[in-house]
């Protein structure tokens, strides 16, 4: 879990936080705090869901049907330019 939280403190993480803050109209400190609290909760929920064969298959299906891998190559663009821009690249 610390790896994900470390990401938020990296240059890429700060860029993501800044993009989310701009998209939501909140300041970067508040957005960073919310993401720092929310990410572990979301990751734990995904971990619990993936623990069952049905949950793991559902998670994999959602990942495969919603993107072709390019979105993972442009995480900074995901929030700075919006989801649609990141998916198109």
PDB file of N, CA and C in Angstrom:
ATOM      1  N   UNK A   1       0.823  -1.196   0.000  1.00  0.00           N
ATOM      2  CA  UNK A   1       0.000   0.000   0.000  1.00  0.00           C
ATOM      3  C   UNK A   1       0.860   1.250   0.000  1.00  0.00           C
ATOM      4  N   UNK A   2       2.039   1.156   0.640  1.00  0.00           N
ATOM      5  CA  UNK A   2       2.876   2.346   0.708  1.00  0.00           C
ATOM      6  C   UNK A   2       3.356   2.775  -0.673  1.00  0.00           C
ATOM      7  N   UNK A   3       3.487   1.838  -1.613  1.00  0.00           N
ATOM      8  CA  UNK A   3       3.912   2.189  -2.962  1.00  0.00           C
ATOM      9  C   UNK A   3       2.958   3.152  -3.636  1.00  0.00           C
ATOM     10  N   UNK A   4       1.680   2.951  -3.437  1.00  0.00           N
ATOM     11  CA  UNK A   4       0.669   3.831  -4.035  1.00  0.00           C
ATOM     12  C   UNK A   4       0.718   5.205  -3.372  1.00  0.00           C
ATOM     13  N   UNK A   5       0.871   5.225  -2.077  1.00  0.00           N
ATOM     14  CA  UNK A   5       0.950   6.506  -1.383  1.00  0.00           C
ATOM     15  C   UNK A   5       2.242   7.231  -1.733  1.00  0.00           C
ATOM     16  N   UNK A   6       3.324   6.477  -1.952  1.00  0.00           N
ATOM     17  CA  UNK A   6       4.574   7.091  -2.402  1.00  0.00           C
ATOM     18  C   UNK A   6       4.390   7.732  -3.769  1.00  0.00           C
ATOM     19  N   UNK A   7       3.560   7.118  -4.618  1.00  0.00           N
ATOM     20  CA  UNK A   7       3.286   7.676  -5.940  1.00  0.00           C
ATOM     21  C   UNK A   7       2.705   9.081  -5.823  1.00  0.00           C
ATOM     22  N   UNK A   8       1.825   9.297  -4.871  1.00  0.00           N
ATOM     23  CA  UNK A   8       1.216  10.615  -4.704  1.00  0.00           C
ATOM     24  C   UNK A   8       2.248  11.678  -4.332  1.00  0.00           C
ATOM     25  N   UNK A   9       3.340  11.271  -3.693  1.00  0.00           N
ATOM     26  CA  UNK A   9       4.386  12.221  -3.305  1.00  0.00           C
ATOM     27  C   UNK A   9       5.419  12.436  -4.406  1.00  0.00           C
ATOM     28  N   UNK A  10       5.338  11.654  -5.472  1.00  0.00           N
ATOM     29  CA  UNK A  10       6.290  11.797  -6.573  1.00  0.00           C
ATOM     30  C   UNK A  10       5.865  12.946  -7.485  1.00  0.00           C
ATOM     31  N   UNK A  11       6.722  13.273  -8.443  1.00  0.00           N
ATOM     32  CA  UNK A  11       6.380  14.328  -9.402  1.00  0.00           C
ATOM     33  C   UNK A  11       5.129  13.957 -10.195  1.00  0.00           C
ATOM     34  N   UNK A  12       5.018  12.688 -10.597  1.00  0.00           N
ATOM     35  CA  UNK A  12       3.832  12.241 -11.319  1.00  0.00           C
ATOM     36  C   UNK A  12       2.595  12.369 -10.435  1.00  0.00           C
ATOM     37  N   UNK A  13       2.713  11.967  -9.180  1.00  0.00           N
ATOM     38  CA  UNK A  13       1.591  12.067  -8.248  1.00  0.00           C
ATOM     39  C   UNK A  13       1.144  13.501  -8.037  1.00  0.00           C
ATOM     40  N   UNK A  14       2.107  14.393  -7.924  1.00  0.00           N
ATOM     41  CA  UNK A  14       1.772  15.811  -7.755  1.00  0.00           C
ATOM     42  C   UNK A  14       1.073  16.359  -8.987  1.00  0.00           C
ATOM     43  N   UNK A  15       1.483  15.870 -10.155  1.00  0.00           N
ATOM     44  CA  UNK A  15       0.824  16.271 -11.396  1.00  0.00           C
ATOM     45  C   UNK A  15      -0.609  15.751 -11.439  1.00  0.00           C
ATOM     46  N   UNK A  16      -0.798  14.512 -11.011  1.00  0.00           N
ATOM     47  CA  UNK A  16      -2.144  13.923 -10.968  1.00  0.00           C
ATOM     48  C   UNK A  16      -3.019  14.685  -9.987  1.00  0.00           C
ATOM     49  N   UNK A  17      -2.484  14.970  -8.807  1.00  0.00           N
ATOM     50  CA  UNK A  17      -3.244  15.717  -7.798  1.00  0.00           C
ATOM     51  C   UNK A  17      -3.624  17.093  -8.331  1.00  0.00           C
ATOM     52  N   UNK A  18      -2.685  17.751  -8.972  1.00  0.00           N
ATOM     53  CA  UNK A  18      -2.957  19.071  -9.538  1.00  0.00           C
ATOM     54  C   UNK A  18      -4.055  18.997 -10.595  1.00  0.00           C
ATOM     55  N   UNK A  19      -4.008  17.978 -11.447  1.00  0.00           N
ATOM     56  CA  UNK A  19      -5.033  17.812 -12.472  1.00  0.00           C
ATOM     57  C   UNK A  19      -6.407  17.528 -11.886  1.00  0.00           C
ATOM     58  N   UNK A  20      -6.448  16.670 -10.864  1.00  0.00           N
ATOM     59  CA  UNK A  20      -7.721  16.373 -10.203  1.00  0.00           C
ATOM     60  C   UNK A  20      -8.252  17.617  -9.518  1.00  0.00           C
ATOM     61  N   UNK A  21      -7.365  18.349  -8.858  1.00  0.00           N
ATOM     62  CA  UNK A  21      -7.782  19.584  -8.188  1.00  0.00           C
ATOM     63  C   UNK A  21      -8.374  20.559  -9.194  1.00  0.00           C
ATOM     64  N   UNK A  22      -7.720  20.718 -10.333  1.00  0.00           N
ATOM     65  CA  UNK A  22      -8.240  21.614 -11.367  1.00  0.00           C
ATOM     66  C   UNK A  22      -9.573  21.158 -11.918  1.00  0.00           C
ATOM     67  N   UNK A  23      -9.726  19.838 -12.081  1.00  0.00           N
ATOM     68  CA  UNK A  23     -10.979  19.291 -12.620  1.00  0.00           C
ATOM     69  C   UNK A  23     -12.141  19.441 -11.654  1.00  0.00           C
ATOM     70  N   UNK A  24     -11.834  19.384 -10.360  1.00  0.00           N
ATOM     71  CA  UNK A  24     -12.897  19.442  -9.361  1.00  0.00           C
ATOM     72  C   UNK A  24     -13.086  20.822  -8.756  1.00  0.00           C
ATOM     73  N   UNK A  25     -12.151  21.731  -9.030  1.00  0.00           N
ATOM     74  CA  UNK A  25     -12.258  23.074  -8.481  1.00  0.00           C
ATOM     75  C   UNK A  25     -11.821  23.180  -7.034  1.00  0.00           C
ATOM     76  N   UNK A  26     -11.072  22.184  -6.543  1.00  0.00           N
ATOM     77  CA  UNK A  26     -10.574  22.219  -5.170  1.00  0.00           C
ATOM     78  C   UNK A  26      -9.090  22.558  -5.173  1.00  0.00           C
ATOM     79  N   UNK A  27      -8.579  22.969  -4.007  1.00  0.00           N
ATOM     80  CA  UNK A  27      -7.144  23.254  -3.950  1.00  0.00           C
ATOM     81  C   UNK A  27      -6.358  21.946  -3.874  1.00  0.00           C
ATOM     82  N   UNK A  28      -5.073  22.028  -4.192  1.00  0.00           N
ATOM     83  CA  UNK A  28      -4.258  20.819  -4.285  1.00  0.00           C
ATOM     84  C   UNK A  28      -4.039  20.151  -2.930  1.00  0.00           C
ATOM     85  N   UNK A  29      -3.951  20.920  -1.854  1.00  0.00           N
ATOM     86  CA  UNK A  29      -3.764  20.317  -0.535  1.00  0.00           C
ATOM     87  C   UNK A  29      -4.965  19.464  -0.146  1.00  0.00           C
ATOM     88  N   UNK A  30      -6.158  20.002  -0.342  1.00  0.00           N
ATOM     89  CA  UNK A  30      -7.382  19.264  -0.009  1.00  0.00           C
ATOM     90  C   UNK A  30      -7.506  18.024  -0.896  1.00  0.00           C
ATOM     91  N   UNK A  31      -7.232  18.182  -2.183  1.00  0.00           N
ATOM     92  CA  UNK A  31      -7.326  17.055  -3.111  1.00  0.00           C
ATOM     93  C   UNK A  31      -6.317  15.976  -2.750  1.00  0.00           C
ATOM     94  N   UNK A  32      -5.087  16.377  -2.419  1.00  0.00           N
ATOM     95  CA  UNK A  32      -4.067  15.414  -2.008  1.00  0.00           C
ATOM     96  C   UNK A  32      -4.478  14.653  -0.764  1.00  0.00           C
ATOM     97  N   UNK A  33      -5.069  15.344   0.184  1.00  0.00           N
ATOM     98  CA  UNK A  33      -5.531  14.694   1.421  1.00  0.00           C
ATOM     99  C   UNK A  33      -6.627  13.677   1.136  1.00  0.00           C
ATOM    100  N   UNK A  34      -7.562  14.063   0.282  1.00  0.00           N
ATOM    101  CA  UNK A  34      -8.669  13.152  -0.053  1.00  0.00           C
ATOM    102  C   UNK A  34      -8.136  11.915  -0.774  1.00  0.00           C
ATOM    103  N   UNK A  35      -7.251  12.122  -1.746  1.00  0.00           N
ATOM    104  CA  UNK A  35      -6.697  10.982  -2.476  1.00  0.00           C
ATOM    105  C   UNK A  35      -5.863  10.094  -1.566  1.00  0.00           C
ATOM    106  N   UNK A  36      -5.122  10.685  -0.646  1.00  0.00           N
ATOM    107  CA  UNK A  36      -4.315   9.903   0.295  1.00  0.00           C
ATOM    108  C   UNK A  36      -5.201   9.032   1.173  1.00  0.00           C
ATOM    109  N   UNK A  37      -6.373   9.527   1.544  1.00  0.00           N
ATOM    110  CA  UNK A  37      -7.300   8.732   2.353  1.00  0.00           C
ATOM    111  C   UNK A  37      -8.076   7.722   1.505  1.00  0.00           C
ATOM    112  N   UNK A  38      -8.434   8.108   0.289  1.00  0.00           N
ATOM    113  CA  UNK A  38      -9.302   7.261  -0.531  1.00  0.00           C
ATOM    114  C   UNK A  38      -8.572   6.096  -1.192  1.00  0.00           C
ATOM    115  N   UNK A  39      -7.340   6.297  -1.623  1.00  0.00           N
ATOM    116  CA  UNK A  39      -6.635   5.243  -2.353  1.00  0.00           C
ATOM    117  C   UNK A  39      -6.501   3.944  -1.561  1.00  0.00           C
ATOM    118  N   UNK A  40      -6.089   3.966  -0.292  1.00  0.00           N
ATOM    119  CA  UNK A  40      -6.009   2.696   0.439  1.00  0.00           C
ATOM    120  C   UNK A  40      -7.368   1.999   0.565  1.00  0.00           C
ATOM    121  N   UNK A  41      -8.416   2.759   0.737  1.00  0.00           N
ATOM    122  CA  UNK A  41      -9.759   2.175   0.844  1.00  0.00           C
ATOM    123  C   UNK A  41     -10.149   1.518  -0.479  1.00  0.00           C
ATOM    124  N   UNK A  42      -9.911   2.220  -1.586  1.00  0.00           N
ATOM    125  CA  UNK A  42     -10.236   1.659  -2.896  1.00  0.00           C
ATOM    126  C   UNK A  42      -9.408   0.419  -3.200  1.00  0.00           C
ATOM    127  N   UNK A  43      -8.130   0.463  -2.881  1.00  0.00           N
ATOM    128  CA  UNK A  43      -7.261  -0.682  -3.139  1.00  0.00           C
ATOM    129  C   UNK A  43      -7.679  -1.883  -2.300  1.00  0.00           C
ATOM    130  N   UNK A  44      -8.053  -1.667  -1.053  1.00  0.00           N
ATOM    131  CA  UNK A  44      -8.490  -2.760  -0.187  1.00  0.00           C
ATOM    132  C   UNK A  44      -9.786  -3.364  -0.721  1.00  0.00           C
ATOM    133  N   UNK A  45     -10.691  -2.524  -1.200  1.00  0.00           N
ATOM    134  CA  UNK A  45     -11.943  -3.031  -1.773  1.00  0.00           C
ATOM    135  C   UNK A  45     -11.671  -3.853  -3.031  1.00  0.00           C
ATOM    136  N   UNK A  46     -10.754  -3.385  -3.867  1.00  0.00           N
ATOM    137  CA  UNK A  46     -10.401  -4.144  -5.071  1.00  0.00           C
ATOM    138  C   UNK A  46      -9.737  -5.468  -4.692  1.00  0.00           C
ATOM    139  N   UNK A  47      -8.914  -5.449  -3.658  1.00  0.00           N
ATOM    140  CA  UNK A  47      -8.250  -6.672  -3.204  1.00  0.00           C
ATOM    141  C   UNK A  47      -9.279  -7.689  -2.705  1.00  0.00           C
ATOM    142  N   UNK A  48     -10.242  -7.229  -1.919  1.00  0.00           N
ATOM    143  CA  UNK A  48     -11.301  -8.134  -1.428  1.00  0.00           C
ATOM    144  C   UNK A  48     -12.115  -8.684  -2.589  1.00  0.00           C
ATOM    145  N   UNK A  49     -12.439  -7.836  -3.549  1.00  0.00           N
ATOM    146  CA  UNK A  49     -13.232  -8.259  -4.695  1.00  0.00           C
ATOM    147  C   UNK A  49     -12.474  -9.282  -5.532  1.00  0.00           C
ATOM    148  N   UNK A  50     -11.185  -9.078  -5.701  1.00  0.00           N
ATOM    149  CA  UNK A  50     -10.381  -9.972  -6.539  1.00  0.00           C
ATOM    150  C   UNK A  50     -10.060 -11.289  -5.852  1.00  0.00           C
ATOM    151  N   UNK A  51     -10.382 -11.409  -4.565  1.00  0.00           N
ATOM    152  CA  UNK A  51     -10.082 -12.637  -3.830  1.00  0.00           C
ATOM    153  C   UNK A  51     -10.972 -13.802  -4.242  1.00  0.00           C
ATOM    154  N   UNK A  52     -12.094 -13.525  -4.861  1.00  0.00           N
ATOM    155  CA  UNK A  52     -12.969 -14.595  -5.338  1.00  0.00           C
ATOM    156  C   UNK A  52     -12.773 -14.751  -6.846  1.00  0.00           C
ATOM    157  N   UNK A  53     -12.967 -15.951  -7.360  1.00  0.00           N
ATOM    158  CA  UNK A  53     -12.814 -16.132  -8.811  1.00  0.00           C
ATOM    159  C   UNK A  53     -13.746 -15.225  -9.615  1.00  0.00           C
ATOM    160  N   UNK A  54     -14.976 -15.064  -9.141  1.00  0.00           N
ATOM    161  CA  UNK A  54     -15.924 -14.211  -9.855  1.00  0.00           C
ATOM    162  C   UNK A  54     -15.486 -12.742  -9.807  1.00  0.00           C
ATOM    163  N   UNK A  55     -15.017 -12.320  -8.649  1.00  0.00           N
ATOM    164  CA  UNK A  55     -14.568 -10.942  -8.498  1.00  0.00           C
ATOM    165  C   UNK A  55     -13.338 -10.653  -9.331  1.00  0.00           C
ATOM    166  N   UNK A  56     -12.391 -11.595  -9.336  1.00  0.00           N
ATOM    167  CA  UNK A  56     -11.170 -11.421 -10.130  1.00  0.00           C
ATOM    168  C   UNK A  56     -11.503 -11.365 -11.618  1.00  0.00           C
ATOM    169  N   UNK A  57     -12.395 -12.237 -12.051  1.00  0.00           N
ATOM    170  CA  UNK A  57     -12.793 -12.240 -13.465  1.00  0.00           C
ATOM    171  C   UNK A  57     -13.510 -10.943 -13.818  1.00  0.00           C
ATOM    172  N   UNK A  58     -14.356 -10.462 -12.922  1.00  0.00           N
ATOM    173  CA  UNK A  58     -15.067  -9.205 -13.160  1.00  0.00           C
ATOM    174  C   UNK A  58     -14.120  -8.018 -13.245  1.00  0.00           C
ATOM    175  N   UNK A  59     -13.127  -7.989 -12.355  1.00  0.00           N
ATOM    176  CA  UNK A  59     -12.146  -6.903 -12.369  1.00  0.00           C
ATOM    177  C   UNK A  59     -11.315  -6.945 -13.653  1.00  0.00           C
ATOM    178  N   UNK A  60     -10.882  -8.132 -14.033  1.00  0.00           N
ATOM    179  CA  UNK A  60     -10.092  -8.263 -15.255  1.00  0.00           C
ATOM    180  C   UNK A  60     -10.933  -7.895 -16.476  1.00  0.00           C
ATOM    181  N   UNK A  61     -12.172  -8.307 -16.494  1.00  0.00           N
ATOM    182  CA  UNK A  61     -13.057  -7.956 -17.604  1.00  0.00           C
ATOM    183  C   UNK A  61     -13.275  -6.463 -17.709  1.00  0.00           C
ATOM    184  N   UNK A  62     -13.428  -5.806 -16.573  1.00  0.00           N
ATOM    185  CA  UNK A  62     -13.621  -4.352 -16.579  1.00  0.00           C
ATOM    186  C   UNK A  62     -12.380  -3.644 -17.099  1.00  0.00           C
ATOM    187  N   UNK A  63     -11.232  -4.108 -16.681  1.00  0.00           N
ATOM    188  CA  UNK A  63      -9.982  -3.496 -17.147  1.00  0.00           C
ATOM    189  C   UNK A  63      -9.825  -3.703 -18.648  1.00  0.00           C
ATOM    190  N   UNK A  64     -10.070  -4.916 -19.113  1.00  0.00           N
ATOM    191  CA  UNK A  64      -9.881  -5.213 -20.528  1.00  0.00           C
ATOM    192  C   UNK A  64     -10.901  -4.524 -21.417  1.00  0.00           C
ATOM    193  N   UNK A  65     -12.119  -4.376 -20.943  1.00  0.00           N
ATOM    194  CA  UNK A  65     -13.146  -3.785 -21.799  1.00  0.00           C
ATOM    195  C   UNK A  65     -13.092  -2.261 -21.824  1.00  0.00           C
ATOM    196  N   UNK A  66     -12.506  -1.648 -20.837  1.00  0.00           N
ATOM    197  CA  UNK A  66     -12.531  -0.189 -20.733  1.00  0.00           C
ATOM    198  C   UNK A  66     -11.294   0.497 -21.290  1.00  0.00           C
ATOM    199  N   UNK A  67     -10.240  -0.230 -21.520  1.00  0.00           N
ATOM    200  CA  UNK A  67      -9.039   0.415 -22.043  1.00  0.00           C
ATOM    201  C   UNK A  67      -8.162  -0.612 -22.727  1.00  0.00           C
ATOM    202  N   UNK A  68      -7.292  -0.129 -23.576  1.00  0.00           N
ATOM    203  CA  UNK A  68      -6.412  -1.015 -24.330  1.00  0.00           C
ATOM    204  C   UNK A  68      -4.975  -0.985 -23.824  1.00  0.00           C
ATOM    205  N   UNK A  69      -4.734  -0.439 -22.667  1.00  0.00           N
ATOM    206  CA  UNK A  69      -3.400  -0.348 -22.105  1.00  0.00           C
ATOM    207  C   UNK A  69      -2.778   1.025 -22.251  1.00  0.00           C
ATOM    208  N   UNK A  70      -3.239   1.813 -23.214  1.00  0.00           N
ATOM    209  CA  UNK A  70      -2.650   3.127 -23.437  1.00  0.00           C
ATOM    210  C   UNK A  70      -2.865   4.067 -22.267  1.00  0.00           C
ATOM    211  N   UNK A  71      -3.959   3.922 -21.571  1.00  0.00           N
ATOM    212  CA  UNK A  71      -4.233   4.817 -20.449  1.00  0.00           C
ATOM    213  C   UNK A  71      -3.158   4.679 -19.374  1.00  0.00           C
ATOM    214  N   UNK A  72      -2.598   3.474 -19.237  1.00  0.00           N
ATOM    215  CA  UNK A  72      -1.563   3.260 -18.240  1.00  0.00           C
ATOM    216  C   UNK A  72      -0.240   3.910 -18.649  1.00  0.00           C
ATOM    217  N   UNK A  73      -0.078   4.183 -19.929  1.00  0.00           N
ATOM    218  CA  UNK A  73       1.119   4.861 -20.413  1.00  0.00           C
ATOM    219  C   UNK A  73       1.045   6.367 -20.216  1.00  0.00           C
ATOM    220  N   UNK A  74      -0.132   6.871 -19.857  1.00  0.00           N
ATOM    221  CA  UNK A  74      -0.322   8.314 -19.754  1.00  0.00           C
ATOM    222  C   UNK A  74      -1.105   8.663 -18.495  1.00  0.00           C
ATOM    223  N   UNK A  75      -0.606   8.218 -17.337  1.00  0.00           N
ATOM    224  CA  UNK A  75      -1.330   8.476 -16.092  1.00  0.00           C
ATOM    225  C   UNK A  75      -1.440   9.964 -15.787  1.00  0.00           C
ATOM    226  N   UNK A  76      -0.413  10.733 -16.111  1.00  0.00           N
ATOM    227  CA  UNK A  76      -0.472  12.174 -15.877  1.00  0.00           C
ATOM    228  C   UNK A  76      -1.569  12.812 -16.700  1.00  0.00           C
ATOM    229  N   UNK A  77      -1.738  12.384 -17.940  1.00  0.00           N
ATOM    230  CA  UNK A  77      -2.770  12.921 -18.820  1.00  0.00           C
ATOM    231  C   UNK A  77      -4.156  12.485 -18.430  1.00  0.00           C
ATOM    232  N   UNK A  78      -4.235  11.415 -17.643  1.00  0.00           N
ATOM    233  CA  UNK A  78      -5.543  10.925 -17.216  1.00  0.00           C
ATOM    234  C   UNK A  78      -6.312  12.014 -16.487  1.00  0.00           C
ATOM    235  N   UNK A  79      -5.635  12.751 -15.628  1.00  0.00           N
ATOM    236  CA  UNK A  79      -6.330  13.767 -14.847  1.00  0.00           C
ATOM    237  C   UNK A  79      -6.075  15.181 -15.329  1.00  0.00           C
ATOM    238  N   UNK A  80      -4.950  15.430 -15.957  1.00  0.00           N
ATOM    239  CA  UNK A  80      -4.699  16.793 -16.396  1.00  0.00           C
ATOM    240  C   UNK A  80      -5.514  17.152 -17.636  1.00  0.00           C
ATOM    241  N   UNK A  81      -5.727  16.192 -18.530  1.00  0.00           N
ATOM    242  CA  UNK A  81      -6.497  16.473 -19.741  1.00  0.00           C
ATOM    243  C   UNK A  81      -7.864  15.849 -19.720  1.00  0.00           C
ATOM    244  N   UNK A  82      -8.164  15.106 -18.696  1.00  0.00           N
ATOM    245  CA  UNK A  82      -9.455  14.434 -18.607  1.00  0.00           C
ATOM    246  C   UNK A  82      -9.342  12.997 -19.047  1.00  0.00           C
ATOM    247  N   UNK A  83     -10.271  12.207 -18.648  1.00  0.00           N
ATOM    248  CA  UNK A  83     -10.266  10.780 -18.937  1.00  0.00           C
ATOM    249  C   UNK A  83     -10.356  10.537 -20.435  1.00  0.00           C
ATOM    250  N   UNK A  84     -11.202  11.248 -21.134  1.00  0.00           N
ATOM    251  CA  UNK A  84     -11.360  11.026 -22.572  1.00  0.00           C
ATOM    252  C   UNK A  84     -10.052  11.273 -23.311  1.00  0.00           C
ATOM    253  N   UNK A  85      -9.322  12.328 -22.952  1.00  0.00           N
ATOM    254  CA  UNK A  85      -8.048  12.613 -23.619  1.00  0.00           C
ATOM    255  C   UNK A  85      -7.029  11.522 -23.362  1.00  0.00           C
ATOM    256  N   UNK A  86      -6.972  11.019 -22.124  1.00  0.00           N
ATOM    257  CA  UNK A  86      -5.990   9.981 -21.782  1.00  0.00           C
ATOM    258  C   UNK A  86      -6.296   8.678 -22.503  1.00  0.00           C
ATOM    259  N   UNK A  87      -7.568   8.341 -22.656  1.00  0.00           N
ATOM    260  CA  UNK A  87      -7.954   7.091 -23.310  1.00  0.00           C
ATOM    261  C   UNK A  87      -7.671   7.165 -24.799  1.00  0.00           C
ATOM    262  N   UNK A  88      -7.827   8.318 -25.408  1.00  0.00           N
ATOM    263  CA  UNK A  88      -7.626   8.475 -26.849  1.00  0.00           C
ATOM    264  C   UNK A  88      -6.177   8.330 -27.246  1.00  0.00           C
ATOM    265  N   UNK A  89      -5.228   8.627 -26.330  1.00  0.00           N
ATOM    266  CA  UNK A  89      -3.799   8.617 -26.670  1.00  0.00           C
ATOM    267  C   UNK A  89      -3.258   7.217 -26.792  1.00  0.00           C
TER     268      UNK A  89
END
